[in-house]
Amino acid sequence: MHFSSQVAAMPATGLYGTRTPSPRQRQVIELVAQGLKNSEVADLIGTTEHVVKNHLRHIYDKLGLWNRVELALWYEARRHEAAAYEQNKVAEA
């Protein structure tokens, strides 16, 4: 029990590192969100399907997601947030 209370008290960054996808992970996210299969993603980024599966596992863990559908929805939400932010920046200028 002592261990679990210490873990619960640690900030998320101490446990898991950054919650921001790496550049390679962002690339995989974008391609998966476009509906590509793991083998197609692997061909496009020049790696194996196994490596893509590992990237996806890490991405799901990092973002707290369970599957490709949730990942695609997460990606689309971030795209729309970025577009809205850019529109607000232009409107303020």
N, C-alpha and C. Protein backbone atom coordinates (compact mmCIF):
# COMPACT_ATOMS: atom_id res chain seq x y z
N MET A 1 0.80 -1.20 0.00
CA MET A 1 0.00 0.00 0.00
C MET A 1 0.85 1.26 0.00
N HIS A 2 2.00 1.21 0.62
CA HIS A 2 2.87 2.38 0.66
C HIS A 2 3.25 2.82 -0.75
N PHE A 3 3.54 1.87 -1.61
CA PHE A 3 3.93 2.19 -2.98
C PHE A 3 2.80 2.88 -3.73
N SER A 4 1.57 2.36 -3.62
CA SER A 4 0.47 2.94 -4.38
C SER A 4 0.16 4.36 -3.93
N SER A 5 0.32 4.67 -2.65
CA SER A 5 0.07 6.04 -2.21
C SER A 5 1.12 6.99 -2.75
N GLN A 6 2.36 6.50 -2.91
CA GLN A 6 3.40 7.34 -3.50
C GLN A 6 3.10 7.58 -4.98
N VAL A 7 2.69 6.55 -5.69
CA VAL A 7 2.39 6.68 -7.11
C VAL A 7 1.23 7.64 -7.31
N ALA A 8 0.20 7.52 -6.49
CA ALA A 8 -0.97 8.40 -6.63
C ALA A 8 -0.60 9.86 -6.39
N ALA A 9 0.40 10.09 -5.55
CA ALA A 9 0.78 11.47 -5.24
C ALA A 9 1.69 12.08 -6.30
N MET A 10 2.26 11.25 -7.17
CA MET A 10 3.17 11.77 -8.19
C MET A 10 2.40 12.47 -9.29
N PRO A 11 2.89 13.58 -9.78
CA PRO A 11 2.23 14.22 -10.92
C PRO A 11 2.35 13.32 -12.15
N ALA A 12 1.45 13.50 -13.09
CA ALA A 12 1.43 12.67 -14.30
C ALA A 12 2.76 12.75 -15.05
N THR A 13 3.38 13.90 -15.05
CA THR A 13 4.65 14.02 -15.77
C THR A 13 5.72 13.15 -15.13
N GLY A 14 5.67 12.96 -13.82
CA GLY A 14 6.64 12.11 -13.16
C GLY A 14 6.44 10.65 -13.49
N LEU A 15 5.20 10.26 -13.72
CA LEU A 15 4.91 8.86 -14.03
C LEU A 15 5.12 8.54 -15.49
N TYR A 16 4.61 9.37 -16.35
CA TYR A 16 4.53 9.02 -17.76
C TYR A 16 5.33 9.91 -18.69
N GLY A 17 5.93 10.94 -18.21
CA GLY A 17 6.61 11.86 -19.10
C GLY A 17 5.61 12.79 -19.75
N THR A 18 5.98 13.32 -20.86
CA THR A 18 5.12 14.28 -21.55
C THR A 18 3.90 13.61 -22.15
N ARG A 19 2.80 14.32 -22.21
CA ARG A 19 1.58 13.83 -22.85
C ARG A 19 1.48 14.32 -24.29
N THR A 20 2.50 14.98 -24.75
CA THR A 20 2.53 15.48 -26.12
C THR A 20 3.17 14.44 -27.02
N PRO A 21 2.49 14.06 -28.10
CA PRO A 21 3.09 13.09 -29.02
C PRO A 21 4.38 13.62 -29.65
N SER A 22 5.31 12.72 -29.86
CA SER A 22 6.56 13.08 -30.54
C SER A 22 6.26 13.38 -32.00
N PRO A 23 7.22 13.97 -32.72
CA PRO A 23 6.99 14.23 -34.15
C PRO A 23 6.63 12.96 -34.93
N ARG A 24 7.31 11.85 -34.67
CA ARG A 24 6.99 10.59 -35.37
C ARG A 24 5.60 10.09 -34.98
N GLN A 25 5.26 10.22 -33.71
CA GLN A 25 3.93 9.81 -33.27
C GLN A 25 2.86 10.67 -33.92
N ARG A 26 3.11 11.97 -34.05
CA ARG A 26 2.15 12.86 -34.72
C ARG A 26 1.96 12.43 -36.17
N GLN A 27 3.03 12.01 -36.81
CA GLN A 27 2.95 11.54 -38.19
C GLN A 27 2.07 10.29 -38.27
N VAL A 28 2.28 9.35 -37.36
CA VAL A 28 1.47 8.13 -37.33
C VAL A 28 0.01 8.47 -37.04
N ILE A 29 -0.23 9.37 -36.09
CA ILE A 29 -1.59 9.77 -35.75
C ILE A 29 -2.30 10.33 -36.98
N GLU A 30 -1.63 11.22 -37.69
CA GLU A 30 -2.24 11.85 -38.86
C GLU A 30 -2.62 10.80 -39.91
N LEU A 31 -1.72 9.88 -40.17
CA LEU A 31 -1.98 8.86 -41.20
C LEU A 31 -3.09 7.90 -40.77
N VAL A 32 -3.09 7.51 -39.51
CA VAL A 32 -4.14 6.62 -39.00
C VAL A 32 -5.49 7.35 -39.04
N ALA A 33 -5.49 8.62 -38.69
CA ALA A 33 -6.73 9.41 -38.71
C ALA A 33 -7.28 9.55 -40.12
N GLN A 34 -6.42 9.45 -41.11
CA GLN A 34 -6.85 9.50 -42.51
C GLN A 34 -7.44 8.17 -42.96
N GLY A 35 -7.37 7.15 -42.09
CA GLY A 35 -7.97 5.86 -42.40
C GLY A 35 -7.02 4.81 -42.96
N LEU A 36 -5.72 5.10 -42.92
CA LEU A 36 -4.76 4.14 -43.45
C LEU A 36 -4.60 2.95 -42.50
N LYS A 37 -4.31 1.80 -43.09
CA LYS A 37 -4.02 0.58 -42.32
C LYS A 37 -2.59 0.67 -41.81
N ASN A 38 -2.28 -0.15 -40.80
CA ASN A 38 -0.93 -0.15 -40.24
C ASN A 38 0.13 -0.42 -41.31
N SER A 39 -0.15 -1.35 -42.20
CA SER A 39 0.83 -1.68 -43.25
C SER A 39 1.04 -0.50 -44.19
N GLU A 40 -0.02 0.25 -44.47
CA GLU A 40 0.10 1.42 -45.33
C GLU A 40 0.89 2.54 -44.64
N VAL A 41 0.63 2.72 -43.35
CA VAL A 41 1.38 3.71 -42.58
C VAL A 41 2.86 3.33 -42.59
N ALA A 42 3.14 2.05 -42.36
CA ALA A 42 4.52 1.58 -42.34
C ALA A 42 5.23 1.85 -43.66
N ASP A 43 4.56 1.59 -44.76
CA ASP A 43 5.16 1.85 -46.07
C ASP A 43 5.47 3.34 -46.26
N LEU A 44 4.54 4.19 -45.84
CA LEU A 44 4.72 5.63 -46.03
C LEU A 44 5.83 6.22 -45.18
N ILE A 45 6.00 5.71 -43.96
CA ILE A 45 7.03 6.29 -43.09
C ILE A 45 8.32 5.48 -43.12
N GLY A 46 8.34 4.42 -43.91
CA GLY A 46 9.57 3.67 -44.09
C GLY A 46 9.96 2.78 -42.92
N THR A 47 8.98 2.08 -42.37
CA THR A 47 9.27 1.17 -41.26
C THR A 47 8.42 -0.08 -41.41
N THR A 48 8.34 -0.88 -40.37
CA THR A 48 7.57 -2.11 -40.43
C THR A 48 6.21 -1.92 -39.74
N GLU A 49 5.30 -2.81 -40.05
CA GLU A 49 3.98 -2.78 -39.42
C GLU A 49 4.10 -2.98 -37.91
N HIS A 50 5.05 -3.81 -37.49
CA HIS A 50 5.27 -4.04 -36.06
C HIS A 50 5.64 -2.74 -35.35
N VAL A 51 6.50 -1.94 -35.96
CA VAL A 51 6.91 -0.66 -35.37
C VAL A 51 5.71 0.28 -35.28
N VAL A 52 4.87 0.29 -36.30
CA VAL A 52 3.67 1.13 -36.29
C VAL A 52 2.76 0.70 -35.14
N LYS A 53 2.59 -0.61 -34.96
CA LYS A 53 1.76 -1.10 -33.84
C LYS A 53 2.33 -0.64 -32.51
N ASN A 54 3.65 -0.67 -32.37
CA ASN A 54 4.29 -0.19 -31.14
C ASN A 54 4.04 1.30 -30.95
N HIS A 55 4.17 2.08 -32.03
CA HIS A 55 3.88 3.51 -31.94
C HIS A 55 2.44 3.73 -31.46
N LEU A 56 1.51 2.99 -32.03
CA LEU A 56 0.11 3.15 -31.66
C LEU A 56 -0.12 2.79 -30.20
N ARG A 57 0.50 1.74 -29.73
CA ARG A 57 0.36 1.34 -28.32
C ARG A 57 0.85 2.46 -27.41
N HIS A 58 1.98 3.04 -27.75
CA HIS A 58 2.53 4.15 -26.95
C HIS A 58 1.63 5.38 -27.03
N ILE A 59 1.12 5.65 -28.22
CA ILE A 59 0.23 6.80 -28.41
C ILE A 59 -1.04 6.62 -27.58
N TYR A 60 -1.65 5.44 -27.64
CA TYR A 60 -2.86 5.17 -26.86
C TYR A 60 -2.59 5.37 -25.37
N ASP A 61 -1.47 4.82 -24.90
CA ASP A 61 -1.12 4.97 -23.48
C ASP A 61 -0.90 6.44 -23.12
N LYS A 62 -0.19 7.14 -23.97
CA LYS A 62 0.15 8.53 -23.69
C LYS A 62 -1.09 9.42 -23.65
N LEU A 63 -2.02 9.17 -24.54
CA LEU A 63 -3.19 10.03 -24.66
C LEU A 63 -4.41 9.50 -23.92
N GLY A 64 -4.30 8.30 -23.35
CA GLY A 64 -5.43 7.72 -22.63
C GLY A 64 -6.54 7.26 -23.55
N LEU A 65 -6.18 6.75 -24.70
CA LEU A 65 -7.15 6.30 -25.70
C LEU A 65 -7.14 4.77 -25.77
N TRP A 66 -8.20 4.23 -26.39
CA TRP A 66 -8.32 2.77 -26.48
C TRP A 66 -8.18 2.21 -27.89
N ASN A 67 -8.50 3.01 -28.91
CA ASN A 67 -8.52 2.44 -30.26
C ASN A 67 -8.36 3.52 -31.33
N ARG A 68 -8.36 3.08 -32.59
CA ARG A 68 -8.14 3.96 -33.73
C ARG A 68 -9.25 5.01 -33.88
N VAL A 69 -10.47 4.62 -33.56
CA VAL A 69 -11.59 5.56 -33.69
C VAL A 69 -11.40 6.71 -32.71
N GLU A 70 -11.08 6.39 -31.46
CA GLU A 70 -10.83 7.44 -30.48
C GLU A 70 -9.64 8.30 -30.91
N LEU A 71 -8.62 7.68 -31.48
CA LEU A 71 -7.45 8.42 -31.95
C LEU A 71 -7.84 9.39 -33.07
N ALA A 72 -8.64 8.92 -34.01
CA ALA A 72 -9.08 9.78 -35.12
C ALA A 72 -9.92 10.95 -34.60
N LEU A 73 -10.79 10.68 -33.63
CA LEU A 73 -11.60 11.75 -33.05
C LEU A 73 -10.73 12.74 -32.29
N TRP A 74 -9.73 12.24 -31.56
CA TRP A 74 -8.79 13.11 -30.84
C TRP A 74 -8.06 14.02 -31.83
N TYR A 75 -7.60 13.43 -32.93
CA TYR A 75 -6.87 14.18 -33.95
C TYR A 75 -7.75 15.28 -34.56
N GLU A 76 -8.97 14.92 -34.92
CA GLU A 76 -9.87 15.90 -35.54
C GLU A 76 -10.19 17.03 -34.58
N ALA A 77 -10.39 16.71 -33.31
CA ALA A 77 -10.66 17.76 -32.31
C ALA A 77 -9.49 18.73 -32.22
N ARG A 78 -8.27 18.21 -32.22
CA ARG A 78 -7.08 19.07 -32.15
C ARG A 78 -6.93 19.91 -33.41
N ARG A 79 -7.26 19.34 -34.56
CA ARG A 79 -7.19 20.10 -35.81
C ARG A 79 -8.15 21.28 -35.77
N HIS A 80 -9.37 21.04 -35.30
CA HIS A 80 -10.36 22.11 -35.24
C HIS A 80 -9.98 23.15 -34.20
N GLU A 81 -9.40 22.72 -33.08
CA GLU A 81 -8.93 23.68 -32.08
C GLU A 81 -7.84 24.58 -32.66
N ALA A 82 -6.92 23.98 -33.41
CA ALA A 82 -5.83 24.75 -34.01
C ALA A 82 -6.38 25.74 -35.04
N ALA A 83 -7.36 25.32 -35.83
CA ALA A 83 -7.95 26.21 -36.83
C ALA A 83 -8.67 27.37 -36.16
N ALA A 84 -9.39 27.08 -35.09
CA ALA A 84 -10.10 28.15 -34.37
C ALA A 84 -9.12 29.12 -33.75
N TYR A 85 -8.03 28.61 -33.22
CA TYR A 85 -7.00 29.46 -32.62
C TYR A 85 -6.41 30.39 -33.69
N GLU A 86 -6.11 29.85 -34.84
CA GLU A 86 -5.55 30.67 -35.93
C GLU A 86 -6.54 31.74 -36.38
N GLN A 87 -7.82 31.40 -36.45
CA GLN A 87 -8.83 32.38 -36.84
C GLN A 87 -8.91 33.51 -35.83
N ASN A 88 -8.83 33.17 -34.53
CA ASN A 88 -8.87 34.19 -33.50
C ASN A 88 -7.65 35.08 -33.55
N LYS A 89 -6.48 34.49 -33.83
CA LYS A 89 -5.26 35.27 -33.94
C LYS A 89 -5.36 36.27 -35.09
N VAL A 90 -5.88 35.84 -36.22
CA VAL A 90 -6.02 36.71 -37.38
C VAL A 90 -7.03 37.81 -37.08
N ALA A 91 -8.11 37.46 -36.41
CA ALA A 91 -9.15 38.45 -36.10
C ALA A 91 -8.65 39.52 -35.14
N GLU A 92 -7.75 39.14 -34.23
CA GLU A 92 -7.20 40.09 -33.26
C GLU A 92 -6.17 41.02 -33.89
N ALA A 93 -5.55 40.59 -34.97
CA ALA A 93 -4.48 41.39 -35.59
C ALA A 93 -4.99 42.53 -36.41
